[in-house]
Amino acid sequence: MSVWRRYLVKDVTGRLVDLPSSLLDRADDGTAPLPHFAGRCVELVAAVIVGDRKSHARVTELAFTKLYFDQMGYVDAAKRERMIRLMLESCADRRCPQPPRDAGPEDFDRLSRRAGAARDQLIREFGWEPKPAERDAALSRLDPARLRGTRPGPVRTLH
């Protein structure tokens, strides 16, 4: 069994087109830019696919997000760091199962407000809420079993 990633980006016409993971990896690690994305924010579909590449592969995870590129076409490192920081802050109120002994209720209220604000900011800056047709289009392009017509019935949409 294999596990691999596939990416789709929304082009200027609104269609979802493939973005090879090797190209995205090089733009992310600073070794080769994607000049056509320079200075842009693109809507990205990231999929994890598990199974045999030739016959029984299935989309197991599907994420819709915004990805920012710097003026040269590399993944914007500052935006990436901000996203990670917001992700960590957004779950701060869920990470601590045992409160510190000296913590009072106002500490938890403050933590909860900060985490909620981080979640809201994360959604505003990096979230992409696709329309149902966009989700279906992504699944149609990404799910090999669906393309071959070997899976009966409707396909679950993963978030």
C-alpha atoms as a PDB file:
ATOM      1  CA  MET A   1       0.000   0.000   0.000  1.00  0.00           C
ATOM      2  CA  SER A   2       1.198   3.496  -0.862  1.00  0.00           C
ATOM      3  CA  VAL A   3       0.470   6.911   0.585  1.00  0.00           C
ATOM      4  CA  TRP A   4       0.948  10.023  -1.492  1.00  0.00           C
ATOM      5  CA  ARG A   5      -0.133  13.636  -1.800  1.00  0.00           C
ATOM      6  CA  ARG A   6      -1.820  15.455  -4.621  1.00  0.00           C
ATOM      7  CA  TYR A   7      -2.482  19.151  -4.957  1.00  0.00           C
ATOM      8  CA  LEU A   8      -4.900  21.150  -7.038  1.00  0.00           C
ATOM      9  CA  VAL A   9      -4.992  24.925  -7.379  1.00  0.00           C
ATOM     10  CA  LYS A  10      -7.743  27.122  -8.681  1.00  0.00           C
ATOM     11  CA  ASP A  11      -6.535  28.840 -11.846  1.00  0.00           C
ATOM     12  CA  VAL A  12      -7.591  32.303 -13.002  1.00  0.00           C
ATOM     13  CA  THR A  13     -10.653  30.854 -14.768  1.00  0.00           C
ATOM     14  CA  GLY A  14     -11.799  29.114 -11.578  1.00  0.00           C
ATOM     15  CA  ARG A  15     -10.924  25.597 -12.747  1.00  0.00           C
ATOM     16  CA  LEU A  16      -9.004  23.214 -10.507  1.00  0.00           C
ATOM     17  CA  VAL A  17      -5.714  22.197 -12.095  1.00  0.00           C
ATOM     18  CA  ASP A  18      -3.014  19.849 -10.884  1.00  0.00           C
ATOM     19  CA  LEU A  19       0.036  21.213  -9.099  1.00  0.00           C
ATOM     20  CA  PRO A  20       2.700  18.505  -8.907  1.00  0.00           C
ATOM     21  CA  SER A  21       3.854  17.983  -5.324  1.00  0.00           C
ATOM     22  CA  SER A  22       7.498  18.133  -6.422  1.00  0.00           C
ATOM     23  CA  LEU A  23       7.015  21.681  -7.748  1.00  0.00           C
ATOM     24  CA  LEU A  24       5.206  22.804  -4.601  1.00  0.00           C
ATOM     25  CA  ASP A  25       7.887  21.194  -2.407  1.00  0.00           C
ATOM     26  CA  ARG A  26      10.644  23.085  -4.231  1.00  0.00           C
ATOM     27  CA  ALA A  27       8.752  26.382  -3.949  1.00  0.00           C
ATOM     28  CA  ASP A  28       8.224  25.676  -0.255  1.00  0.00           C
ATOM     29  CA  ASP A  29      11.828  24.781   0.541  1.00  0.00           C
ATOM     30  CA  GLY A  30      13.238  27.714  -1.447  1.00  0.00           C
ATOM     31  CA  THR A  31      14.976  25.760  -4.204  1.00  0.00           C
ATOM     32  CA  ALA A  32      12.778  26.639  -7.211  1.00  0.00           C
ATOM     33  CA  PRO A  33      10.070  29.297  -7.475  1.00  0.00           C
ATOM     34  CA  LEU A  34       6.718  29.094  -9.224  1.00  0.00           C
ATOM     35  CA  PRO A  35       6.859  32.437 -11.090  1.00  0.00           C
ATOM     36  CA  HIS A  36       3.225  32.293 -12.254  1.00  0.00           C
ATOM     37  CA  PHE A  37       2.168  32.394  -8.562  1.00  0.00           C
ATOM     38  CA  ALA A  38       4.524  35.257  -7.626  1.00  0.00           C
ATOM     39  CA  GLY A  39       2.887  37.694  -5.230  1.00  0.00           C
ATOM     40  CA  ARG A  40      -0.399  35.790  -5.246  1.00  0.00           C
ATOM     41  CA  CYS A  41      -2.635  33.972  -2.840  1.00  0.00           C
ATOM     42  CA  VAL A  42      -3.967  30.770  -4.404  1.00  0.00           C
ATOM     43  CA  GLU A  43      -6.741  28.484  -3.298  1.00  0.00           C
ATOM     44  CA  LEU A  44      -5.237  25.043  -2.810  1.00  0.00           C
ATOM     45  CA  VAL A  45      -6.762  21.595  -2.432  1.00  0.00           C
ATOM     46  CA  ALA A  46      -4.445  19.199  -0.622  1.00  0.00           C
ATOM     47  CA  ALA A  47      -5.278  15.506  -0.684  1.00  0.00           C
ATOM     48  CA  VAL A  48      -3.786  12.448   0.946  1.00  0.00           C
ATOM     49  CA  ILE A  49      -4.395   9.302  -1.075  1.00  0.00           C
ATOM     50  CA  VAL A  50      -3.868   5.791   0.266  1.00  0.00           C
ATOM     51  CA  GLY A  51      -3.813   2.476  -1.574  1.00  0.00           C
ATOM     52  CA  ASP A  52      -2.465   0.824  -4.655  1.00  0.00           C
ATOM     53  CA  ARG A  53      -1.687   3.529  -7.234  1.00  0.00           C
ATOM     54  CA  LYS A  54      -3.081   1.409 -10.048  1.00  0.00           C
ATOM     55  CA  SER A  55      -6.329   0.036  -8.714  1.00  0.00           C
ATOM     56  CA  HIS A  56      -7.605   0.652  -5.177  1.00  0.00           C
ATOM     57  CA  ALA A  57      -6.493   4.113  -4.128  1.00  0.00           C
ATOM     58  CA  ARG A  58      -8.833   6.339  -2.118  1.00  0.00           C
ATOM     59  CA  VAL A  59      -8.785   9.940  -0.979  1.00  0.00           C
ATOM     60  CA  THR A  60      -8.491   9.749   2.808  1.00  0.00           C
ATOM     61  CA  GLU A  61      -8.029  13.427   3.617  1.00  0.00           C
ATOM     62  CA  LEU A  62      -9.029  16.531   1.752  1.00  0.00           C
ATOM     63  CA  ALA A  63      -8.190  20.086   2.851  1.00  0.00           C
ATOM     64  CA  PHE A  64      -9.098  23.395   1.259  1.00  0.00           C
ATOM     65  CA  THR A  65      -6.797  26.277   2.140  1.00  0.00           C
ATOM     66  CA  LYS A  66      -5.181  29.449   0.887  1.00  0.00           C
ATOM     67  CA  LEU A  67      -1.470  29.463   0.131  1.00  0.00           C
ATOM     68  CA  TYR A  68       0.544  32.656  -0.214  1.00  0.00           C
ATOM     69  CA  PHE A  69       3.535  33.165  -2.500  1.00  0.00           C
ATOM     70  CA  ASP A  70       6.161  35.889  -2.199  1.00  0.00           C
ATOM     71  CA  GLN A  71       7.150  38.257  -5.012  1.00  0.00           C
ATOM     72  CA  MET A  72       9.584  35.719  -6.479  1.00  0.00           C
ATOM     73  CA  GLY A  73       7.177  32.769  -6.495  1.00  0.00           C
ATOM     74  CA  TYR A  74       8.332  30.919  -3.406  1.00  0.00           C
ATOM     75  CA  VAL A  75       5.889  29.929  -0.680  1.00  0.00           C
ATOM     76  CA  ASP A  76       5.768  32.975   1.595  1.00  0.00           C
ATOM     77  CA  ALA A  77       7.741  31.920   4.693  1.00  0.00           C
ATOM     78  CA  ALA A  78       6.338  34.702   6.887  1.00  0.00           C
ATOM     79  CA  LYS A  79       2.767  33.731   6.026  1.00  0.00           C
ATOM     80  CA  ARG A  80       3.598  30.063   6.626  1.00  0.00           C
ATOM     81  CA  GLU A  81       5.012  30.911  10.066  1.00  0.00           C
ATOM     82  CA  ARG A  82       1.948  33.012  10.859  1.00  0.00           C
ATOM     83  CA  MET A  83      -0.340  30.134   9.889  1.00  0.00           C
ATOM     84  CA  ILE A  84       1.557  27.729  12.147  1.00  0.00           C
ATOM     85  CA  ARG A  85       1.511  30.204  15.036  1.00  0.00           C
ATOM     86  CA  LEU A  86      -2.235  30.753  14.633  1.00  0.00           C
ATOM     87  CA  MET A  87      -2.798  26.997  14.473  1.00  0.00           C
ATOM     88  CA  LEU A  88      -0.928  26.516  17.744  1.00  0.00           C
ATOM     89  CA  GLU A  89      -2.695  29.427  19.428  1.00  0.00           C
ATOM     90  CA  SER A  90      -6.070  28.213  18.198  1.00  0.00           C
ATOM     91  CA  CYS A  91      -5.789  24.962  20.100  1.00  0.00           C
ATOM     92  CA  ALA A  92      -4.155  26.339  23.266  1.00  0.00           C
ATOM     93  CA  ASP A  93      -7.408  26.072  25.204  1.00  0.00           C
ATOM     94  CA  ARG A  94      -7.664  22.366  24.307  1.00  0.00           C
ATOM     95  CA  ARG A  95      -4.085  21.266  25.028  1.00  0.00           C
ATOM     96  CA  CYS A  96      -4.002  21.581  28.795  1.00  0.00           C
ATOM     97  CA  PRO A  97      -6.002  18.741  30.432  1.00  0.00           C
ATOM     98  CA  GLN A  98      -4.940  19.719  33.964  1.00  0.00           C
ATOM     99  CA  PRO A  99      -4.913  23.384  34.919  1.00  0.00           C
ATOM    100  CA  PRO A 100      -1.920  24.725  36.829  1.00  0.00           C
ATOM    101  CA  ARG A 101      -2.633  24.916  40.553  1.00  0.00           C
ATOM    102  CA  ASP A 102      -2.271  28.674  40.653  1.00  0.00           C
ATOM    103  CA  ALA A 103      -4.538  29.306  37.626  1.00  0.00           C
ATOM    104  CA  GLY A 104      -7.811  31.059  38.236  1.00  0.00           C
ATOM    105  CA  PRO A 105     -10.996  31.139  36.157  1.00  0.00           C
ATOM    106  CA  GLU A 106      -9.954  34.445  34.579  1.00  0.00           C
ATOM    107  CA  ASP A 107      -6.815  32.730  33.213  1.00  0.00           C
ATOM    108  CA  PHE A 108      -8.945  30.139  31.441  1.00  0.00           C
ATOM    109  CA  ASP A 109     -11.316  32.794  30.129  1.00  0.00           C
ATOM    110  CA  ARG A 110      -8.370  34.766  28.712  1.00  0.00           C
ATOM    111  CA  LEU A 111      -6.877  31.603  27.163  1.00  0.00           C
ATOM    112  CA  SER A 112     -10.214  30.658  25.663  1.00  0.00           C
ATOM    113  CA  ARG A 113     -10.712  34.143  24.171  1.00  0.00           C
ATOM    114  CA  ARG A 114      -7.195  34.154  22.686  1.00  0.00           C
ATOM    115  CA  ALA A 115      -7.692  30.689  21.194  1.00  0.00           C
ATOM    116  CA  GLY A 116     -11.051  31.693  19.734  1.00  0.00           C
ATOM    117  CA  ALA A 117      -9.574  34.852  18.242  1.00  0.00           C
ATOM    118  CA  ALA A 118      -6.731  32.801  16.716  1.00  0.00           C
ATOM    119  CA  ARG A 119      -9.249  30.345  15.205  1.00  0.00           C
ATOM    120  CA  ASP A 120     -11.210  33.233  13.681  1.00  0.00           C
ATOM    121  CA  GLN A 121      -8.044  34.830  12.265  1.00  0.00           C
ATOM    122  CA  LEU A 122      -6.847  31.487  10.896  1.00  0.00           C
ATOM    123  CA  ILE A 123     -10.119  31.019   9.052  1.00  0.00           C
ATOM    124  CA  ARG A 124     -10.082  34.592   7.694  1.00  0.00           C
ATOM    125  CA  GLU A 125      -6.509  34.465   6.423  1.00  0.00           C
ATOM    126  CA  PHE A 126      -6.021  30.845   5.435  1.00  0.00           C
ATOM    127  CA  GLY A 127      -9.443  29.258   5.127  1.00  0.00           C
ATOM    128  CA  TRP A 128     -11.216  28.481   1.907  1.00  0.00           C
ATOM    129  CA  GLU A 129     -14.810  27.319   2.173  1.00  0.00           C
ATOM    130  CA  PRO A 130     -15.398  25.673  -1.203  1.00  0.00           C
ATOM    131  CA  LYS A 131     -18.797  25.530  -2.810  1.00  0.00           C
ATOM    132  CA  PRO A 132     -20.315  22.029  -3.097  1.00  0.00           C
ATOM    133  CA  ALA A 133     -19.530  21.991  -6.827  1.00  0.00           C
ATOM    134  CA  GLU A 134     -15.871  22.804  -6.063  1.00  0.00           C
ATOM    135  CA  ARG A 135     -15.673  19.932  -3.550  1.00  0.00           C
ATOM    136  CA  ASP A 136     -17.216  17.580  -6.099  1.00  0.00           C
ATOM    137  CA  ALA A 137     -14.815  18.778  -8.799  1.00  0.00           C
ATOM    138  CA  ALA A 138     -11.850  18.207  -6.474  1.00  0.00           C
ATOM    139  CA  LEU A 139     -12.995  14.698  -5.618  1.00  0.00           C
ATOM    140  CA  SER A 140     -13.602  13.919  -9.286  1.00  0.00           C
ATOM    141  CA  ARG A 141     -10.042  14.928 -10.158  1.00  0.00           C
ATOM    142  CA  LEU A 142      -8.386  13.299  -7.148  1.00  0.00           C
ATOM    143  CA  ASP A 143     -10.201  10.070  -6.426  1.00  0.00           C
ATOM    144  CA  PRO A 144      -9.023   7.361  -8.847  1.00  0.00           C
ATOM    145  CA  ALA A 145     -11.803   4.935  -7.825  1.00  0.00           C
ATOM    146  CA  ARG A 146     -14.462   7.533  -8.537  1.00  0.00           C
ATOM    147  CA  LEU A 147     -12.922   8.300 -11.922  1.00  0.00           C
ATOM    148  CA  ARG A 148     -12.986   4.605 -12.860  1.00  0.00           C
ATOM    149  CA  GLY A 149     -16.571   4.290 -11.628  1.00  0.00           C
ATOM    150  CA  THR A 150     -15.696   1.378  -9.334  1.00  0.00           C
ATOM    151  CA  ARG A 151     -17.186   2.841  -6.171  1.00  0.00           C
ATOM    152  CA  PRO A 152     -20.947   2.532  -6.001  1.00  0.00           C
ATOM    153  CA  GLY A 153     -23.139   5.262  -4.588  1.00  0.00           C
ATOM    154  CA  PRO A 154     -22.319   8.837  -3.599  1.00  0.00           C
ATOM    155  CA  VAL A 155     -18.853   9.809  -2.484  1.00  0.00           C
ATOM    156  CA  ARG A 156     -18.378  11.215   1.022  1.00  0.00           C
ATOM    157  CA  THR A 157     -17.006  14.718   1.150  1.00  0.00           C
ATOM    158  CA  LEU A 158     -14.121  15.024   3.584  1.00  0.00           C
ATOM    159  CA  HIS A 159     -13.191  18.290   5.297  1.00  0.00           C
END
